[in-house]
Amino acid sequence: MPIISAEDKYLTVLNLFTTDTPEHQEQLLTEMGKIVDAAAYEGWISSTVHAGQDTPGTANLIQWRSGEDLAKRYAGEEFKHRTLPVFREITTAIRLLQNEIVFSQTHPSLGGRVEVSPDRDDYTAIEVHRVGEADQAELVKLLGEGQDWLVNVPGYRSHSVFKGLRAMFVEGAFAVVYSQWDSKESYEAFRDLPHEDKPRPRRINDERIAELRIECDVNTYRVVHTRAMGE
């Protein structure tokens, strides 16, 4: 079972695909499952496939030993001439994000471990925040340490913040929030709370985040498949 942790020092790659229909989402999931099940790349640690809930699409959370190992994968003939062309045929957008995990927090009942697995019933939200290079560090802090109050929100399980390092098909600096909730209802109650009803620490934090970021894209997911090295 993959663990999201800053202590592991893995390069964490988040490949996000959007598509136009549920049928194309199923096709994406099939193709991604084939790649994950056949993975034997040098430096590859694990891959975890997510199915889009709010919007058709997929996310693949991949752990690599290093950026050099990932670069070899991207430079390979299979990736350039089979993998990317197949995905381009059935997607409306592709984003390949390389990240460093800089923060993770769990509800106290979970013991500090952010586990990612289809054997769990997490309702997962992935937010991609684009930001100016000079503001990235502050935004990362606000998204992580600035949200310690989340442990008191009903239905909250965990959230982790990824600092964007580089990307394909995304311009500029970015940060990612990967959060887990116990249900769609609890996540939406948190997300849709009117600004004036938010506790003061959240209002202040949200206002500063809105000032810093250029745009934010969010989708929700269920984990459907995972595999790690040696399995």
C-alpha atoms as a PDB file:
ATOM      1  CA  MET A   1       0.000   0.000   0.000  1.00  0.00           C
ATOM      2  CA  PRO A   2       1.619   3.309  -1.060  1.00  0.00           C
ATOM      3  CA  ILE A   3       2.202   5.890   1.661  1.00  0.00           C
ATOM      4  CA  ILE A   4       2.337   9.641   1.030  1.00  0.00           C
ATOM      5  CA  SER A   5       5.166  10.931   3.184  1.00  0.00           C
ATOM      6  CA  ALA A   6       7.732  13.719   2.971  1.00  0.00           C
ATOM      7  CA  GLU A   7      10.190  11.459   4.774  1.00  0.00           C
ATOM      8  CA  ASP A   8      10.486   8.973   1.895  1.00  0.00           C
ATOM      9  CA  LYS A   9      12.054  11.599  -0.395  1.00  0.00           C
ATOM     10  CA  TYR A  10      10.518  10.017  -3.490  1.00  0.00           C
ATOM     11  CA  LEU A  11       9.827  12.024  -6.597  1.00  0.00           C
ATOM     12  CA  THR A  12       6.033  12.025  -6.671  1.00  0.00           C
ATOM     13  CA  VAL A  13       4.523  12.272 -10.143  1.00  0.00           C
ATOM     14  CA  LEU A  14       0.860  13.106 -10.600  1.00  0.00           C
ATOM     15  CA  ASN A  15      -0.416  12.433 -14.101  1.00  0.00           C
ATOM     16  CA  LEU A  16      -3.838  14.011 -14.607  1.00  0.00           C
ATOM     17  CA  PHE A  17      -6.044  13.274 -17.602  1.00  0.00           C
ATOM     18  CA  THR A  18      -9.441  14.731 -18.400  1.00  0.00           C
ATOM     19  CA  THR A  19     -11.857  13.413 -20.985  1.00  0.00           C
ATOM     20  CA  ASP A  20     -15.314  14.186 -22.291  1.00  0.00           C
ATOM     21  CA  THR A  21     -17.384  11.098 -21.461  1.00  0.00           C
ATOM     22  CA  PRO A  22     -17.627   8.344 -18.846  1.00  0.00           C
ATOM     23  CA  GLU A  23     -16.951   5.843 -21.645  1.00  0.00           C
ATOM     24  CA  HIS A  24     -13.624   7.498 -22.438  1.00  0.00           C
ATOM     25  CA  GLN A  25     -12.832   7.497 -18.719  1.00  0.00           C
ATOM     26  CA  GLU A  26     -13.288   3.724 -18.660  1.00  0.00           C
ATOM     27  CA  GLN A  27     -11.014   3.440 -21.684  1.00  0.00           C
ATOM     28  CA  LEU A  28      -8.406   5.558 -19.905  1.00  0.00           C
ATOM     29  CA  LEU A  29      -8.618   3.384 -16.802  1.00  0.00           C
ATOM     30  CA  THR A  30      -8.130   0.246 -18.891  1.00  0.00           C
ATOM     31  CA  GLU A  31      -5.065   1.665 -20.632  1.00  0.00           C
ATOM     32  CA  MET A  32      -3.574   2.935 -17.378  1.00  0.00           C
ATOM     33  CA  GLY A  33      -4.176  -0.410 -15.692  1.00  0.00           C
ATOM     34  CA  LYS A  34      -2.219  -2.163 -18.446  1.00  0.00           C
ATOM     35  CA  ILE A  35       0.723   0.191 -17.997  1.00  0.00           C
ATOM     36  CA  VAL A  36       0.720  -0.154 -14.209  1.00  0.00           C
ATOM     37  CA  ASP A  37       0.500  -3.950 -14.307  1.00  0.00           C
ATOM     38  CA  ALA A  38       3.413  -4.176 -16.751  1.00  0.00           C
ATOM     39  CA  ALA A  39       5.616  -1.568 -15.038  1.00  0.00           C
ATOM     40  CA  ALA A  40       9.210  -2.706 -14.571  1.00  0.00           C
ATOM     41  CA  TYR A  41      11.047   0.577 -15.042  1.00  0.00           C
ATOM     42  CA  GLU A  42      14.323   1.298 -13.309  1.00  0.00           C
ATOM     43  CA  GLY A  43      13.627   3.447 -10.262  1.00  0.00           C
ATOM     44  CA  TRP A  44       9.854   2.975 -10.337  1.00  0.00           C
ATOM     45  CA  ILE A  45       8.362   2.485  -6.850  1.00  0.00           C
ATOM     46  CA  SER A  46       4.567   2.397  -7.203  1.00  0.00           C
ATOM     47  CA  SER A  47       1.571   3.602  -9.233  1.00  0.00           C
ATOM     48  CA  THR A  48      -1.970   4.234  -8.004  1.00  0.00           C
ATOM     49  CA  VAL A  49      -4.797   4.876 -10.449  1.00  0.00           C
ATOM     50  CA  HIS A  50      -7.772   7.091  -9.539  1.00  0.00           C
ATOM     51  CA  ALA A  51     -11.121   7.376 -11.337  1.00  0.00           C
ATOM     52  CA  GLY A  52     -12.683  10.827 -11.676  1.00  0.00           C
ATOM     53  CA  GLN A  53     -15.938  11.487  -9.836  1.00  0.00           C
ATOM     54  CA  ASP A  54     -17.060  15.091 -10.436  1.00  0.00           C
ATOM     55  CA  THR A  55     -15.559  15.276 -13.939  1.00  0.00           C
ATOM     56  CA  PRO A  56     -14.610  12.390 -16.253  1.00  0.00           C
ATOM     57  CA  GLY A  57     -10.886  11.756 -16.072  1.00  0.00           C
ATOM     58  CA  THR A  58      -8.163   9.910 -14.231  1.00  0.00           C
ATOM     59  CA  ALA A  59      -5.207  10.543 -11.954  1.00  0.00           C
ATOM     60  CA  ASN A  60      -2.139   8.367 -11.577  1.00  0.00           C
ATOM     61  CA  LEU A  61      -0.048   8.937  -8.440  1.00  0.00           C
ATOM     62  CA  ILE A  62       3.408   7.537  -9.169  1.00  0.00           C
ATOM     63  CA  GLN A  63       6.420   7.281  -6.885  1.00  0.00           C
ATOM     64  CA  TRP A  64       9.908   7.292  -8.403  1.00  0.00           C
ATOM     65  CA  ARG A  65      13.327   6.906  -6.841  1.00  0.00           C
ATOM     66  CA  SER A  66      14.634   9.989  -8.667  1.00  0.00           C
ATOM     67  CA  GLY A  67      14.084  12.464 -11.457  1.00  0.00           C
ATOM     68  CA  GLU A  68      16.790  10.755 -13.473  1.00  0.00           C
ATOM     69  CA  ASP A  69      14.821   7.513 -13.495  1.00  0.00           C
ATOM     70  CA  LEU A  70      11.680   9.315 -14.652  1.00  0.00           C
ATOM     71  CA  ALA A  71      13.632  11.115 -17.394  1.00  0.00           C
ATOM     72  CA  LYS A  72      14.683   7.732 -18.802  1.00  0.00           C
ATOM     73  CA  ARG A  73      11.043   6.658 -18.911  1.00  0.00           C
ATOM     74  CA  TYR A  74       9.972   9.846 -20.709  1.00  0.00           C
ATOM     75  CA  ALA A  75      12.837   9.497 -23.205  1.00  0.00           C
ATOM     76  CA  GLY A  76      11.898   5.928 -24.085  1.00  0.00           C
ATOM     77  CA  GLU A  77      10.373   4.971 -27.402  1.00  0.00           C
ATOM     78  CA  GLU A  78       7.378   3.278 -25.721  1.00  0.00           C
ATOM     79  CA  PHE A  79       6.373   6.444 -23.873  1.00  0.00           C
ATOM     80  CA  LYS A  80       6.848   8.796 -26.826  1.00  0.00           C
ATOM     81  CA  HIS A  81       5.384   6.638 -29.571  1.00  0.00           C
ATOM     82  CA  ARG A  82       2.748   4.492 -27.847  1.00  0.00           C
ATOM     83  CA  THR A  83       1.743   5.791 -24.415  1.00  0.00           C
ATOM     84  CA  LEU A  84       1.324   9.495 -25.190  1.00  0.00           C
ATOM     85  CA  PRO A  85      -0.388   8.975 -28.575  1.00  0.00           C
ATOM     86  CA  VAL A  86      -2.934   6.580 -27.033  1.00  0.00           C
ATOM     87  CA  PHE A  87      -3.774   9.027 -24.254  1.00  0.00           C
ATOM     88  CA  ARG A  88      -4.001  11.963 -26.641  1.00  0.00           C
ATOM     89  CA  GLU A  89      -6.658  10.121 -28.637  1.00  0.00           C
ATOM     90  CA  ILE A  90      -9.054   9.780 -25.703  1.00  0.00           C
ATOM     91  CA  THR A  91      -8.310  12.818 -23.519  1.00  0.00           C
ATOM     92  CA  THR A  92      -9.192  16.492 -23.616  1.00  0.00           C
ATOM     93  CA  ALA A  93      -6.220  17.531 -21.446  1.00  0.00           C
ATOM     94  CA  ILE A  94      -3.002  15.979 -20.124  1.00  0.00           C
ATOM     95  CA  ARG A  95      -0.861  17.273 -17.249  1.00  0.00           C
ATOM     96  CA  LEU A  96       2.255  15.441 -16.064  1.00  0.00           C
ATOM     97  CA  LEU A  97       3.334  17.001 -12.762  1.00  0.00           C
ATOM     98  CA  GLN A  98       6.590  16.267 -10.935  1.00  0.00           C
ATOM     99  CA  ASN A  99       6.469  17.082  -7.233  1.00  0.00           C
ATOM    100  CA  GLU A 100       8.179  17.020  -3.880  1.00  0.00           C
ATOM    101  CA  ILE A 101       5.951  16.125  -0.925  1.00  0.00           C
ATOM    102  CA  VAL A 102       6.475  18.850   1.666  1.00  0.00           C
ATOM    103  CA  PHE A 103       3.589  18.401   4.118  1.00  0.00           C
ATOM    104  CA  SER A 104       1.095  15.802   5.246  1.00  0.00           C
ATOM    105  CA  GLN A 105      -1.431  15.756   8.071  1.00  0.00           C
ATOM    106  CA  THR A 106      -4.013  13.220   9.167  1.00  0.00           C
ATOM    107  CA  HIS A 107      -6.911  13.152  11.539  1.00  0.00           C
ATOM    108  CA  PRO A 108      -5.516  12.010  14.914  1.00  0.00           C
ATOM    109  CA  SER A 109      -7.421   8.721  14.655  1.00  0.00           C
ATOM    110  CA  LEU A 110      -5.348   7.694  11.599  1.00  0.00           C
ATOM    111  CA  GLY A 111      -1.984   7.725  13.335  1.00  0.00           C
ATOM    112  CA  GLY A 112      -0.182  10.054  10.969  1.00  0.00           C
ATOM    113  CA  ARG A 113      -0.025   7.711   7.962  1.00  0.00           C
ATOM    114  CA  VAL A 114      -1.518   8.828   4.649  1.00  0.00           C
ATOM    115  CA  GLU A 115      -2.331   5.515   2.956  1.00  0.00           C
ATOM    116  CA  VAL A 116      -3.537   5.313  -0.648  1.00  0.00           C
ATOM    117  CA  SER A 117      -5.284   2.132  -1.738  1.00  0.00           C
ATOM    118  CA  PRO A 118      -8.394   0.783  -3.477  1.00  0.00           C
ATOM    119  CA  ASP A 119      -8.951  -1.262  -0.303  1.00  0.00           C
ATOM    120  CA  ARG A 120      -9.852   1.984   1.470  1.00  0.00           C
ATOM    121  CA  ASP A 121     -13.048   3.964   0.902  1.00  0.00           C
ATOM    122  CA  ASP A 122     -11.527   7.443   0.764  1.00  0.00           C
ATOM    123  CA  TYR A 123     -13.248  10.159  -1.226  1.00  0.00           C
ATOM    124  CA  THR A 124     -10.238  12.001  -2.632  1.00  0.00           C
ATOM    125  CA  ALA A 125      -9.913  15.573  -3.869  1.00  0.00           C
ATOM    126  CA  ILE A 126      -6.953  16.763  -5.932  1.00  0.00           C
ATOM    127  CA  GLU A 127      -6.426  20.518  -6.300  1.00  0.00           C
ATOM    128  CA  VAL A 128      -3.838  22.001  -8.667  1.00  0.00           C
ATOM    129  CA  HIS A 129      -2.982  25.600  -7.776  1.00  0.00           C
ATOM    130  CA  ARG A 130      -1.046  27.679 -10.295  1.00  0.00           C
ATOM    131  CA  VAL A 131       0.976  30.464  -8.720  1.00  0.00           C
ATOM    132  CA  GLY A 132       3.738  32.938  -9.521  1.00  0.00           C
ATOM    133  CA  GLU A 133       7.219  31.599  -8.902  1.00  0.00           C
ATOM    134  CA  ALA A 134       7.916  34.180  -6.199  1.00  0.00           C
ATOM    135  CA  ASP A 135       4.739  33.222  -4.306  1.00  0.00           C
ATOM    136  CA  GLN A 136       5.037  29.434  -4.465  1.00  0.00           C
ATOM    137  CA  ALA A 137       6.726  29.000  -1.065  1.00  0.00           C
ATOM    138  CA  GLU A 138       4.119  31.108   0.743  1.00  0.00           C
ATOM    139  CA  LEU A 139       1.250  29.326  -0.994  1.00  0.00           C
ATOM    140  CA  VAL A 140       2.669  25.909  -0.060  1.00  0.00           C
ATOM    141  CA  LYS A 141       2.870  26.995   3.583  1.00  0.00           C
ATOM    142  CA  LEU A 142      -0.705  28.294   3.574  1.00  0.00           C
ATOM    143  CA  LEU A 143      -2.008  25.088   1.993  1.00  0.00           C
ATOM    144  CA  GLY A 144      -0.157  22.950   4.534  1.00  0.00           C
ATOM    145  CA  GLU A 145       0.688  24.399   7.929  1.00  0.00           C
ATOM    146  CA  GLY A 146      -1.948  27.086   7.461  1.00  0.00           C
ATOM    147  CA  GLN A 147      -4.699  24.470   7.501  1.00  0.00           C
ATOM    148  CA  ASP A 148      -3.994  22.642  10.762  1.00  0.00           C
ATOM    149  CA  TRP A 149      -7.602  23.446  11.750  1.00  0.00           C
ATOM    150  CA  LEU A 150      -8.807  20.839   9.222  1.00  0.00           C
ATOM    151  CA  VAL A 151      -8.540  18.119  11.874  1.00  0.00           C
ATOM    152  CA  ASN A 152     -11.723  19.524  13.413  1.00  0.00           C
ATOM    153  CA  VAL A 153     -13.757  19.447  10.185  1.00  0.00           C
ATOM    154  CA  PRO A 154     -16.335  16.608  10.084  1.00  0.00           C
ATOM    155  CA  GLY A 155     -15.340  13.884   7.633  1.00  0.00           C
ATOM    156  CA  TYR A 156     -11.720  15.028   7.234  1.00  0.00           C
ATOM    157  CA  ARG A 157      -9.140  12.238   6.998  1.00  0.00           C
ATOM    158  CA  SER A 158      -5.930  13.727   5.616  1.00  0.00           C
ATOM    159  CA  HIS A 159      -4.330  16.254   3.365  1.00  0.00           C
ATOM    160  CA  SER A 160      -0.907  16.401   1.755  1.00  0.00           C
ATOM    161  CA  VAL A 161       0.785  19.250  -0.072  1.00  0.00           C
ATOM    162  CA  PHE A 162       3.053  18.703  -3.070  1.00  0.00           C
ATOM    163  CA  LYS A 163       5.457  21.426  -4.169  1.00  0.00           C
ATOM    164  CA  GLY A 164       5.583  21.475  -7.954  1.00  0.00           C
ATOM    165  CA  LEU A 165       9.075  21.018  -9.371  1.00  0.00           C
ATOM    166  CA  ARG A 166       8.476  20.822 -13.115  1.00  0.00           C
ATOM    167  CA  ALA A 167       5.762  19.709 -15.482  1.00  0.00           C
ATOM    168  CA  MET A 168       4.780  18.765 -18.986  1.00  0.00           C
ATOM    169  CA  PHE A 169       1.737  20.617 -20.389  1.00  0.00           C
ATOM    170  CA  VAL A 170       1.538  23.087 -17.463  1.00  0.00           C
ATOM    171  CA  GLU A 171       3.030  26.585 -17.523  1.00  0.00           C
ATOM    172  CA  GLY A 172       4.717  28.135 -14.501  1.00  0.00           C
ATOM    173  CA  ALA A 173       4.911  27.269 -10.813  1.00  0.00           C
ATOM    174  CA  PHE A 174       2.255  25.204  -9.065  1.00  0.00           C
ATOM    175  CA  ALA A 175       1.332  23.335  -5.900  1.00  0.00           C
ATOM    176  CA  VAL A 176      -0.970  20.360  -5.375  1.00  0.00           C
ATOM    177  CA  VAL A 177      -3.241  19.447  -2.470  1.00  0.00           C
ATOM    178  CA  TYR A 178      -4.224  15.772  -2.171  1.00  0.00           C
ATOM    179  CA  SER A 179      -6.946  15.351   0.463  1.00  0.00           C
ATOM    180  CA  GLN A 180      -8.961  12.382   1.718  1.00  0.00           C
ATOM    181  CA  TRP A 181     -12.504  12.506   3.123  1.00  0.00           C
ATOM    182  CA  ASP A 182     -14.908   9.939   4.475  1.00  0.00           C
ATOM    183  CA  SER A 183     -17.626  10.745   1.929  1.00  0.00           C
ATOM    184  CA  LYS A 184     -18.706  12.946  -0.954  1.00  0.00           C
ATOM    185  CA  GLU A 185     -21.172  14.653   1.378  1.00  0.00           C
ATOM    186  CA  SER A 186     -18.568  15.626   3.972  1.00  0.00           C
ATOM    187  CA  TYR A 187     -16.187  16.954   1.329  1.00  0.00           C
ATOM    188  CA  GLU A 188     -18.906  19.026  -0.358  1.00  0.00           C
ATOM    189  CA  ALA A 189     -20.107  20.411   2.987  1.00  0.00           C
ATOM    190  CA  PHE A 190     -16.555  21.606   3.654  1.00  0.00           C
ATOM    191  CA  ARG A 191     -16.016  22.927   0.123  1.00  0.00           C
ATOM    192  CA  ASP A 192     -19.337  24.742  -0.195  1.00  0.00           C
ATOM    193  CA  LEU A 193     -19.480  26.408   3.224  1.00  0.00           C
ATOM    194  CA  PRO A 194     -20.291  30.114   2.649  1.00  0.00           C
ATOM    195  CA  HIS A 195     -17.273  32.331   3.263  1.00  0.00           C
ATOM    196  CA  GLU A 196     -19.025  34.320   6.000  1.00  0.00           C
ATOM    197  CA  ASP A 197     -19.756  31.090   7.907  1.00  0.00           C
ATOM    198  CA  LYS A 198     -16.148  29.866   7.923  1.00  0.00           C
ATOM    199  CA  PRO A 199     -14.177  29.995  11.182  1.00  0.00           C
ATOM    200  CA  ARG A 200     -11.899  33.031  11.294  1.00  0.00           C
ATOM    201  CA  PRO A 201      -8.600  31.119  10.742  1.00  0.00           C
ATOM    202  CA  ARG A 202     -10.046  29.539   7.606  1.00  0.00           C
ATOM    203  CA  ARG A 203     -11.391  32.862   6.291  1.00  0.00           C
ATOM    204  CA  ILE A 204      -8.012  34.539   6.693  1.00  0.00           C
ATOM    205  CA  ASN A 205      -6.152  31.616   5.127  1.00  0.00           C
ATOM    206  CA  ASP A 206      -8.571  31.317   2.196  1.00  0.00           C
ATOM    207  CA  GLU A 207      -8.410  35.041   1.456  1.00  0.00           C
ATOM    208  CA  ARG A 208      -4.608  35.025   1.273  1.00  0.00           C
ATOM    209  CA  ILE A 209      -4.582  31.906  -0.907  1.00  0.00           C
ATOM    210  CA  ALA A 210      -7.010  33.609  -3.301  1.00  0.00           C
ATOM    211  CA  GLU A 211      -4.699  36.631  -3.495  1.00  0.00           C
ATOM    212  CA  LEU A 212      -1.661  34.531  -4.376  1.00  0.00           C
ATOM    213  CA  ARG A 213      -2.865  31.924  -6.810  1.00  0.00           C
ATOM    214  CA  ILE A 214      -3.463  32.455 -10.505  1.00  0.00           C
ATOM    215  CA  GLU A 215      -6.020  29.676 -10.888  1.00  0.00           C
ATOM    216  CA  CYS A 216      -7.133  26.452  -9.226  1.00  0.00           C
ATOM    217  CA  ASP A 217      -8.447  23.277 -10.822  1.00  0.00           C
ATOM    218  CA  VAL A 218     -10.153  20.612  -8.686  1.00  0.00           C
ATOM    219  CA  ASN A 219     -11.544  17.153  -9.317  1.00  0.00           C
ATOM    220  CA  THR A 220     -12.571  14.331  -6.999  1.00  0.00           C
ATOM    221  CA  TYR A 221     -11.608  10.675  -7.296  1.00  0.00           C
ATOM    222  CA  ARG A 222     -11.867   7.111  -6.053  1.00  0.00           C
ATOM    223  CA  VAL A 223      -8.757   4.921  -5.991  1.00  0.00           C
ATOM    224  CA  VAL A 224      -9.360   1.925  -8.249  1.00  0.00           C
ATOM    225  CA  HIS A 225      -6.011   0.174  -8.751  1.00  0.00           C
ATOM    226  CA  THR A 226      -2.504   0.141  -7.314  1.00  0.00           C
ATOM    227  CA  ARG A 227       0.707  -1.795  -7.727  1.00  0.00           C
ATOM    228  CA  ALA A 228       4.148  -1.456  -6.192  1.00  0.00           C
ATOM    229  CA  MET A 229       7.605  -2.668  -7.127  1.00  0.00           C
ATOM    230  CA  GLY A 230       7.980  -6.394  -6.473  1.00  0.00           C
ATOM    231  CA  GLU A 231       4.259  -7.188  -6.615  1.00  0.00           C
END
